[in-house]
Amino acid sequence: MRSIKFFIGYAVAILLIVVVITINAVCSIAQFEVTVTGSSFGEERAADIQAALDEEFGGKSYLFFRENSVYDVVAKKGDGYLEVESVEKHFPNKITVSLSEKYEVFAFLNETDGKYYVVGDDRTVLAVKEDNANNIDGTNIVITGIGFEAQSAGDASVVGETFAVFPEFEDEYESLWTLFEQFSGQGMWHNIVSIDYDDTGLNDPTYDFNYFYIDTVEGVHVWLENPGSRMEEKAKLALQTYEGLTEAQRTFGYINVIEVGYPQPTGELSASYSTDEPPLSAENK
């Protein structure tokens, strides 16, 4: 009787081993499929990520694969420009990974060391560069005049972190994103070369304006008075004025958007185009 029980137990054990071996063979990871929504830059890095996943996990157990492993590989191989949208396991041996790409938006110039702190569309620091080269093509929009905390930190320590400006510039920083949203919506964003935040520096408060001064590829300049408030309205007025210009006018002159009566504004905004006399800011350009 004991021998029969032993034989049955032995047979069951053998069967379990065979089942485990069979499942492990069938359920070994045979394929990673990594896709990204973005540019050729992102596609190249996605290919590197897929190769790294294949090398490290190909042939290993599908059942015991941890999805967090994908996040680790993307963090190492994505250079901060890619993030994981989803990881899906498809029985018995396929894993699909969907990535999204972060895009460079602003290049904040540190005028002390001449380096560019590149901020992506997720508001994190994507890179610190010696030159203003966009990772996909062309250049980024250079921002000057807005103080930021990364200026006092080491380069490597800020990459991947949320970009932060000094408290006194927070309103203007938020206005940059509003400007980005409005100009991008009208296909005008790539027409901007640089945005400088400054003030006239005059002692008389009646004439002490602060402003965004925008240079464009075409040549026309844009002056936005008191950019820390009502930026959506001001950006729309600037765009409307631009749309009314001839092709020749878009190569020179100034689009001025002001708060009537500022620094004691009446609540009315005014937009105009001028070729005769530049705004106060332009005298020093």
Protein backbone atom coordinates (compact mmCIF):
# COMPACT_ATOMS: atom_id res chain seq x y z
CA MET A 1 0.00 0.00 0.00
CA ARG A 2 2.80 2.33 0.95
CA SER A 3 4.61 1.56 -2.28
CA ILE A 4 1.49 2.44 -4.26
CA LYS A 5 1.13 5.78 -2.44
CA PHE A 6 4.81 6.46 -2.95
CA PHE A 7 4.51 5.65 -6.64
CA ILE A 8 1.47 7.91 -7.02
CA GLY A 9 3.22 10.76 -5.17
CA TYR A 10 6.31 10.27 -7.25
CA ALA A 11 4.27 10.29 -10.46
CA VAL A 12 2.44 13.46 -9.42
CA ALA A 13 5.75 15.16 -8.62
CA ILE A 14 7.14 14.16 -12.00
CA LEU A 15 3.99 15.42 -13.69
CA LEU A 16 4.22 18.76 -11.89
CA ILE A 17 7.85 19.14 -12.91
CA VAL A 18 6.95 18.40 -16.52
CA VAL A 19 4.08 20.89 -16.39
CA VAL A 20 6.30 23.60 -14.89
CA ILE A 21 9.02 22.99 -17.47
CA THR A 22 6.46 23.05 -20.28
CA ILE A 23 4.82 26.24 -19.04
CA ASN A 24 8.19 27.86 -18.55
CA ALA A 25 9.21 26.93 -22.10
CA VAL A 26 5.96 28.13 -23.62
CA CYS A 27 5.77 31.22 -21.41
CA SER A 28 9.32 32.45 -21.85
CA ILE A 29 9.38 36.02 -23.13
CA ALA A 30 9.75 35.83 -26.89
CA GLN A 31 9.02 39.40 -27.92
CA PHE A 32 9.01 42.97 -26.66
CA GLU A 33 7.19 45.49 -28.81
CA VAL A 34 8.06 49.09 -27.94
CA THR A 35 6.23 51.97 -29.64
CA VAL A 36 6.47 55.72 -29.17
CA THR A 37 4.36 58.65 -30.27
CA GLY A 38 6.84 61.30 -31.29
CA SER A 39 9.77 62.19 -33.51
CA SER A 40 12.59 60.22 -35.09
CA PHE A 41 14.65 61.21 -32.03
CA GLY A 42 12.15 59.39 -29.81
CA GLU A 43 11.94 56.43 -32.19
CA GLU A 44 15.71 55.92 -32.02
CA ARG A 45 15.63 55.81 -28.25
CA ALA A 46 12.61 53.51 -28.28
CA ALA A 47 14.61 51.12 -30.46
CA ASP A 48 17.46 51.24 -27.93
CA ILE A 49 14.99 50.49 -25.14
CA GLN A 50 13.53 47.52 -27.02
CA ALA A 51 17.02 46.13 -27.65
CA ALA A 52 17.90 46.51 -23.96
CA LEU A 53 14.69 44.75 -22.88
CA ASP A 54 15.29 41.91 -25.34
CA GLU A 55 18.86 41.48 -24.15
CA GLU A 56 18.05 41.53 -20.43
CA PHE A 57 14.71 39.71 -20.32
CA GLY A 58 14.35 37.77 -23.59
CA GLY A 59 13.85 34.06 -22.88
CA LYS A 60 13.11 34.63 -19.21
CA SER A 61 9.86 33.82 -17.44
CA TYR A 62 6.83 35.69 -18.73
CA LEU A 63 4.83 34.81 -15.63
CA PHE A 64 7.30 36.37 -13.20
CA PHE A 65 8.25 39.43 -15.26
CA ARG A 66 7.88 42.66 -13.26
CA GLU A 67 6.43 45.63 -15.14
CA ASN A 68 8.59 47.96 -13.04
CA SER A 69 11.58 46.58 -14.94
CA VAL A 70 10.38 48.48 -18.01
CA TYR A 71 10.37 51.77 -16.09
CA ASP A 72 13.94 51.12 -14.96
CA VAL A 73 15.16 50.52 -18.52
CA VAL A 74 13.31 53.57 -19.90
CA ALA A 75 14.85 55.74 -17.17
CA LYS A 76 18.34 54.56 -18.18
CA LYS A 77 17.96 54.58 -21.97
CA GLY A 78 15.42 57.35 -22.57
CA ASP A 79 17.72 60.24 -21.61
CA GLY A 80 14.79 61.84 -19.79
CA TYR A 81 12.88 62.39 -23.05
CA LEU A 82 10.60 59.33 -22.87
CA GLU A 83 8.06 58.20 -20.32
CA VAL A 84 6.02 55.02 -20.02
CA GLU A 85 2.35 55.26 -20.91
CA SER A 86 1.50 51.57 -20.55
CA VAL A 87 2.96 48.07 -20.18
CA GLU A 88 0.77 45.16 -21.28
CA LYS A 89 1.43 41.42 -21.05
CA HIS A 90 -0.04 39.26 -23.83
CA PHE A 91 -0.18 35.59 -22.94
CA PRO A 92 1.82 33.51 -23.44
CA ASN A 93 5.05 35.34 -24.30
CA LYS A 94 4.65 38.90 -25.62
CA ILE A 95 4.97 42.24 -23.82
CA THR A 96 4.04 45.57 -25.40
CA VAL A 97 5.30 48.92 -24.14
CA SER A 98 3.81 52.28 -25.14
CA LEU A 99 5.95 55.39 -24.66
CA SER A 100 5.38 59.11 -25.11
CA GLU A 101 8.00 61.71 -25.93
CA LYS A 102 8.69 64.94 -24.08
CA TYR A 103 9.42 67.96 -26.28
CA GLU A 104 11.83 70.80 -25.65
CA VAL A 105 9.97 74.10 -25.26
CA PHE A 106 12.15 76.76 -23.61
CA ALA A 107 15.88 77.28 -23.21
CA PHE A 108 16.49 79.44 -20.13
CA LEU A 109 19.85 81.14 -20.48
CA ASN A 110 22.05 81.26 -17.41
CA GLU A 111 23.90 84.47 -18.20
CA THR A 112 26.55 83.66 -15.59
CA ASP A 113 27.97 80.56 -17.29
CA GLY A 114 26.28 80.80 -20.70
CA LYS A 115 24.53 77.44 -20.38
CA TYR A 116 20.99 76.71 -21.52
CA TYR A 117 18.58 74.98 -19.16
CA VAL A 118 16.15 73.23 -21.49
CA VAL A 119 12.60 72.84 -20.18
CA GLY A 120 10.21 70.32 -21.71
CA ASP A 121 6.47 70.41 -22.23
CA ASP A 122 6.07 68.60 -18.90
CA ARG A 123 7.92 71.48 -17.17
CA THR A 124 10.92 69.38 -16.19
CA VAL A 125 14.55 70.12 -17.03
CA LEU A 126 15.36 67.83 -19.95
CA ALA A 127 18.96 68.89 -20.44
CA VAL A 128 21.63 71.46 -19.65
CA LYS A 129 23.45 72.43 -22.85
CA GLU A 130 26.43 74.47 -23.93
CA ASP A 131 24.60 75.60 -27.07
CA ASN A 132 20.98 76.26 -27.96
CA ALA A 133 20.35 73.26 -30.20
CA ASN A 134 16.95 71.58 -30.19
CA ASN A 135 17.17 67.80 -29.85
CA ILE A 136 15.00 67.30 -32.95
CA ASP A 137 15.74 70.23 -35.25
CA GLY A 138 16.76 73.88 -35.16
CA THR A 139 16.95 75.81 -31.91
CA ASN A 140 14.83 76.40 -28.83
CA ILE A 141 13.22 79.68 -27.79
CA VAL A 142 15.71 81.47 -25.56
CA ILE A 143 14.32 82.98 -22.35
CA THR A 144 16.23 85.73 -20.56
CA GLY A 145 15.44 87.97 -17.62
CA ILE A 146 13.63 85.37 -15.48
CA GLY A 147 15.68 84.13 -12.53
CA PHE A 148 15.55 80.40 -11.82
CA GLU A 149 16.73 78.15 -9.03
CA ALA A 150 18.83 75.85 -11.23
CA GLN A 151 21.31 78.69 -11.69
CA SER A 152 22.77 77.90 -8.27
CA ALA A 153 22.71 74.10 -8.61
CA GLY A 154 24.95 71.62 -10.35
CA ASP A 155 24.03 70.72 -13.92
CA ALA A 156 23.42 67.03 -13.31
CA SER A 157 21.37 67.60 -10.18
CA VAL A 158 18.56 69.47 -11.95
CA VAL A 159 18.01 67.25 -15.00
CA GLY A 160 14.73 65.40 -14.58
CA GLU A 161 13.54 67.76 -11.87
CA THR A 162 10.64 70.20 -12.16
CA PHE A 163 11.97 73.56 -13.35
CA ALA A 164 11.48 76.25 -10.72
CA VAL A 165 11.85 80.03 -10.96
CA PHE A 166 12.44 82.45 -8.12
CA PRO A 167 9.19 83.49 -6.37
CA GLU A 168 9.24 87.02 -7.79
CA PHE A 169 9.05 85.59 -11.34
CA GLU A 170 6.30 83.00 -10.85
CA ASP A 171 3.55 85.05 -12.54
CA GLU A 172 5.73 85.76 -15.57
CA TYR A 173 6.74 82.08 -15.76
CA GLU A 174 3.11 81.00 -15.83
CA SER A 175 2.51 83.61 -18.51
CA LEU A 176 5.19 81.98 -20.67
CA TRP A 177 3.15 78.77 -20.69
CA THR A 178 -0.01 80.69 -21.54
CA LEU A 179 1.87 82.35 -24.39
CA PHE A 180 3.10 78.95 -25.54
CA GLU A 181 -0.45 77.59 -25.56
CA GLN A 182 -1.89 80.53 -27.50
CA PHE A 183 0.89 80.85 -30.07
CA SER A 184 1.13 77.08 -30.62
CA GLY A 185 -2.60 76.93 -31.25
CA GLN A 186 -2.17 79.39 -34.13
CA GLY A 187 0.95 77.76 -35.56
CA MET A 188 3.06 80.74 -34.50
CA TRP A 189 5.31 79.15 -31.89
CA HIS A 190 8.13 78.28 -34.28
CA ASN A 191 8.19 81.89 -35.44
CA ILE A 192 9.58 82.98 -32.05
CA VAL A 193 13.35 83.26 -31.58
CA SER A 194 13.58 84.66 -28.06
CA ILE A 195 11.58 86.18 -25.21
CA ASP A 196 13.19 88.69 -22.88
CA TYR A 197 11.58 89.76 -19.62
CA ASP A 198 12.69 93.15 -18.36
CA ASP A 199 11.56 96.53 -17.13
CA THR A 200 12.39 100.05 -18.15
CA GLY A 201 14.26 100.65 -14.91
CA LEU A 202 12.94 104.19 -14.65
CA ASN A 203 12.48 105.73 -11.21
CA ASP A 204 9.20 107.39 -12.10
CA PRO A 205 6.54 104.70 -11.44
CA THR A 206 4.41 106.17 -14.21
CA TYR A 207 6.97 105.02 -16.75
CA ASP A 208 8.42 101.98 -14.98
CA PHE A 209 6.96 99.23 -17.16
CA ASN A 210 7.78 95.55 -17.15
CA TYR A 211 7.32 93.59 -20.33
CA PHE A 212 7.99 90.61 -22.56
CA TYR A 213 9.99 91.58 -25.62
CA ILE A 214 9.69 88.94 -28.34
CA ASP A 215 11.93 88.51 -31.39
CA THR A 216 10.51 86.55 -34.33
CA VAL A 217 12.05 84.69 -37.24
CA GLU A 218 10.28 86.95 -39.74
CA GLY A 219 11.58 90.12 -38.08
CA VAL A 220 8.59 91.82 -36.46
CA HIS A 221 8.91 92.33 -32.70
CA VAL A 222 6.22 91.93 -30.06
CA TRP A 223 5.99 94.01 -26.88
CA LEU A 224 3.61 92.69 -24.19
CA GLU A 225 3.24 95.07 -21.28
CA ASN A 226 2.87 93.76 -17.71
CA PRO A 227 3.10 90.10 -18.77
CA GLY A 228 2.35 88.76 -15.31
CA SER A 229 -1.38 89.35 -15.79
CA ARG A 230 -4.05 88.79 -18.47
CA MET A 231 -1.59 87.03 -20.75
CA GLU A 232 -4.21 84.99 -22.59
CA GLU A 233 -6.00 88.17 -23.67
CA LYS A 234 -2.77 89.92 -24.57
CA ALA A 235 -1.49 86.98 -26.60
CA LYS A 236 -4.75 86.79 -28.55
CA LEU A 237 -4.61 90.53 -29.29
CA ALA A 238 -1.01 90.21 -30.48
CA LEU A 239 -1.97 87.33 -32.78
CA GLN A 240 -4.96 89.22 -34.16
CA THR A 241 -2.74 92.20 -34.91
CA TYR A 242 -0.16 89.95 -36.56
CA GLU A 243 -2.82 88.36 -38.76
CA GLY A 244 -3.74 91.83 -40.05
CA LEU A 245 -0.20 92.64 -41.19
CA THR A 246 1.05 92.34 -44.74
CA GLU A 247 3.96 90.02 -45.50
CA ALA A 248 6.23 93.06 -45.71
CA GLN A 249 5.07 94.43 -42.35
CA ARG A 250 5.85 91.11 -40.71
CA THR A 251 9.54 91.65 -41.42
CA PHE A 252 9.99 94.78 -39.29
CA GLY A 253 8.28 97.05 -36.78
CA TYR A 254 6.57 96.37 -33.47
CA ILE A 255 3.31 94.87 -32.28
CA ASN A 256 2.51 96.59 -29.00
CA VAL A 257 -0.06 95.27 -26.51
CA ILE A 258 -0.54 97.51 -23.49
CA GLU A 259 -2.84 97.99 -20.53
CA VAL A 260 -4.38 101.42 -21.01
CA GLY A 261 -3.40 103.68 -18.11
CA TYR A 262 -0.86 101.24 -16.62
CA PRO A 263 0.37 101.26 -13.81
CA GLN A 264 -3.17 102.44 -12.92
CA PRO A 265 -4.91 100.48 -15.69
CA THR A 266 -8.43 101.28 -16.76
CA GLY A 267 -9.12 97.62 -17.56
CA GLU A 268 -8.87 98.20 -21.29
CA LEU A 269 -6.23 96.55 -23.46
CA SER A 270 -4.87 98.16 -26.60
CA ALA A 271 -2.97 96.56 -29.49
CA SER A 272 -1.25 98.39 -32.31
CA TYR A 273 1.47 98.06 -34.94
CA SER A 274 4.17 100.70 -35.22
CA THR A 275 7.15 101.38 -37.45
CA ASP A 276 7.84 104.96 -36.38
CA GLU A 277 8.88 104.73 -32.77
CA PRO A 278 9.77 101.51 -30.97
CA PRO A 279 8.62 100.74 -27.44
CA LEU A 280 10.89 101.84 -24.61
CA SER A 281 12.39 98.34 -24.41
CA ALA A 282 13.60 98.40 -27.98
CA GLU A 283 15.88 101.39 -27.41
CA ASN A 284 18.34 99.05 -25.71
CA LYS A 285 18.04 96.21 -28.22
